[in-house]
C-alpha atoms as a PDB file:
ATOM      1  CA  MET A   1    -146.798  30.076-141.126  1.00  0.00           C
ATOM      2  CA  GLU A   2    -147.179  31.811-145.040  1.00  0.00           C
ATOM      3  CA  ARG A   3    -150.119  31.158-146.738  1.00  0.00           C
ATOM      4  CA  ASN A   4    -147.748  29.794-149.750  1.00  0.00           C
ATOM      5  CA  LYS A   5    -146.584  26.697-147.189  1.00  0.00           C
ATOM      6  CA  PHE A   6    -150.092  26.375-145.549  1.00  0.00           C
ATOM      7  CA  GLU A   7    -151.742  26.469-149.478  1.00  0.00           C
ATOM      8  CA  SER A   8    -148.778  23.650-150.591  1.00  0.00           C
ATOM      9  CA  LYS A   9    -149.025  21.497-147.421  1.00  0.00           C
ATOM     10  CA  MET A  10    -152.584  21.137-147.681  1.00  0.00           C
ATOM     11  CA  LEU A  11    -152.363  20.632-151.398  1.00  0.00           C
ATOM     12  CA  LYS A  12    -150.006  17.702-150.879  1.00  0.00           C
ATOM     13  CA  ALA A  13    -152.043  16.053-147.822  1.00  0.00           C
ATOM     14  CA  LYS A  14    -155.140  16.380-150.049  1.00  0.00           C
ATOM     15  CA  VAL A  15    -153.802  14.215-152.718  1.00  0.00           C
ATOM     16  CA  LEU A  16    -152.048  12.052-150.289  1.00  0.00           C
ATOM     17  CA  GLN A  17    -155.391  11.276-148.436  1.00  0.00           C
ATOM     18  CA  GLY A  18    -156.674   9.524-152.017  1.00  0.00           C
ATOM     19  CA  LEU A  19    -153.570   7.673-152.573  1.00  0.00           C
ATOM     20  CA  THR A  20    -153.049   5.855-149.269  1.00  0.00           C
ATOM     21  CA  ASP A  21    -154.829   3.956-147.078  1.00  0.00           C
ATOM     22  CA  LEU A  22    -154.532   6.190-144.103  1.00  0.00           C
ATOM     23  CA  PRO A  23    -157.365   8.791-145.034  1.00  0.00           C
ATOM     24  CA  ASP A  24    -157.896   9.390-141.440  1.00  0.00           C
ATOM     25  CA  TYR A  25    -154.529   9.820-140.620  1.00  0.00           C
ATOM     26  CA  TRP A  26    -154.197  13.025-143.579  1.00  0.00           C
ATOM     27  CA  THR A  27    -157.986  14.305-142.623  1.00  0.00           C
ATOM     28  CA  GLY A  28    -156.149  14.755-138.731  1.00  0.00           C
ATOM     29  CA  TYR A  29    -152.840  16.099-140.128  1.00  0.00           C
ATOM     30  CA  MET A  30    -154.524  18.777-142.250  1.00  0.00           C
ATOM     31  CA  ARG A  31    -157.012  19.609-139.139  1.00  0.00           C
ATOM     32  CA  GLY A  32    -153.340  20.478-137.450  1.00  0.00           C
ATOM     33  CA  LEU A  33    -151.989  22.389-140.129  1.00  0.00           C
ATOM     34  CA  ARG A  34    -155.118  24.639-139.954  1.00  0.00           C
ATOM     35  CA  ARG A  35    -155.293  25.051-136.264  1.00  0.00           C
ATOM     36  CA  VAL A  36    -151.612  26.351-136.775  1.00  0.00           C
ATOM     37  CA  TYR A  37    -152.385  28.859-139.671  1.00  0.00           C
ATOM     38  CA  TYR A  38    -155.849  30.069-138.035  1.00  0.00           C
ATOM     39  CA  GLY A  39    -154.706  30.029-134.769  1.00  0.00           C
ATOM     40  CA  GLU A  40    -157.653  29.794-131.958  1.00  0.00           C
ATOM     41  CA  LYS A  41    -160.138  30.630-134.307  1.00  0.00           C
ATOM     42  CA  PHE A  42    -159.913  27.255-136.052  1.00  0.00           C
ATOM     43  CA  GLY A  43    -161.841  24.646-133.822  1.00  0.00           C
ATOM     44  CA  THR A  44    -162.591  25.204-130.136  1.00  0.00           C
ATOM     45  CA  GLU A  45    -160.024  24.347-126.769  1.00  0.00           C
ATOM     46  CA  GLU A  46    -162.179  21.373-126.180  1.00  0.00           C
ATOM     47  CA  GLU A  47    -161.287  20.059-130.024  1.00  0.00           C
ATOM     48  CA  HIS A  48    -157.988  21.026-130.237  1.00  0.00           C
ATOM     49  CA  LEU A  49    -157.062  18.808-126.481  1.00  0.00           C
ATOM     50  CA  ARG A  50    -159.558  15.769-127.700  1.00  0.00           C
ATOM     51  CA  PHE A  51    -157.313  15.589-130.854  1.00  0.00           C
ATOM     52  CA  SER A  52    -153.856  16.365-129.507  1.00  0.00           C
ATOM     53  CA  ASP A  53    -155.032  13.522-126.811  1.00  0.00           C
ATOM     54  CA  ALA A  54    -155.708  11.121-129.139  1.00  0.00           C
ATOM     55  CA  ILE A  55    -152.368   9.841-129.913  1.00  0.00           C
ATOM     56  CA  HIS A  56    -153.580   5.773-130.030  1.00  0.00           C
ATOM     57  CA  SER A  57    -155.622   6.805-133.562  1.00  0.00           C
ATOM     58  CA  GLU A  58    -154.495   7.542-137.089  1.00  0.00           C
ATOM     59  CA  LEU A  59    -156.625  10.658-136.634  1.00  0.00           C
ATOM     60  CA  GLY A  60    -155.056  12.230-133.590  1.00  0.00           C
ATOM     61  CA  ARG A  61    -151.689  11.033-134.860  1.00  0.00           C
ATOM     62  CA  GLY A  62    -151.953  13.188-137.959  1.00  0.00           C
ATOM     63  CA  TYR A  63    -153.517  16.328-136.492  1.00  0.00           C
ATOM     64  CA  THR A  64    -150.249  16.547-133.820  1.00  0.00           C
ATOM     65  CA  ASP A  65    -147.848  15.953-136.899  1.00  0.00           C
ATOM     66  CA  GLY A  66    -149.743  18.495-138.985  1.00  0.00           C
ATOM     67  CA  LEU A  67    -149.187  20.760-135.699  1.00  0.00           C
ATOM     68  CA  LYS A  68    -145.415  20.080-135.966  1.00  0.00           C
ATOM     69  CA  GLU A  69    -145.228  20.910-139.500  1.00  0.00           C
ATOM     70  CA  GLY A  70    -147.152  24.097-139.543  1.00  0.00           C
ATOM     71  CA  LYS A  71    -144.711  25.658-136.501  1.00  0.00           C
END
């Protein structure tokens, strides 16, 4: 992912995080974007698996969506 695209998506997510009633979703989404942008340098493999497996929470759904959006 290019830096400009990453920064644009992060800014949009930060704004939406403050405007919606789903702040955990947007926290997970931004974490997923960071994982795509920085790769394995961001977080551990254990953290990645824990967030990826948390599909029944807003945080986990946001993380998974952020991963998809970043690719």
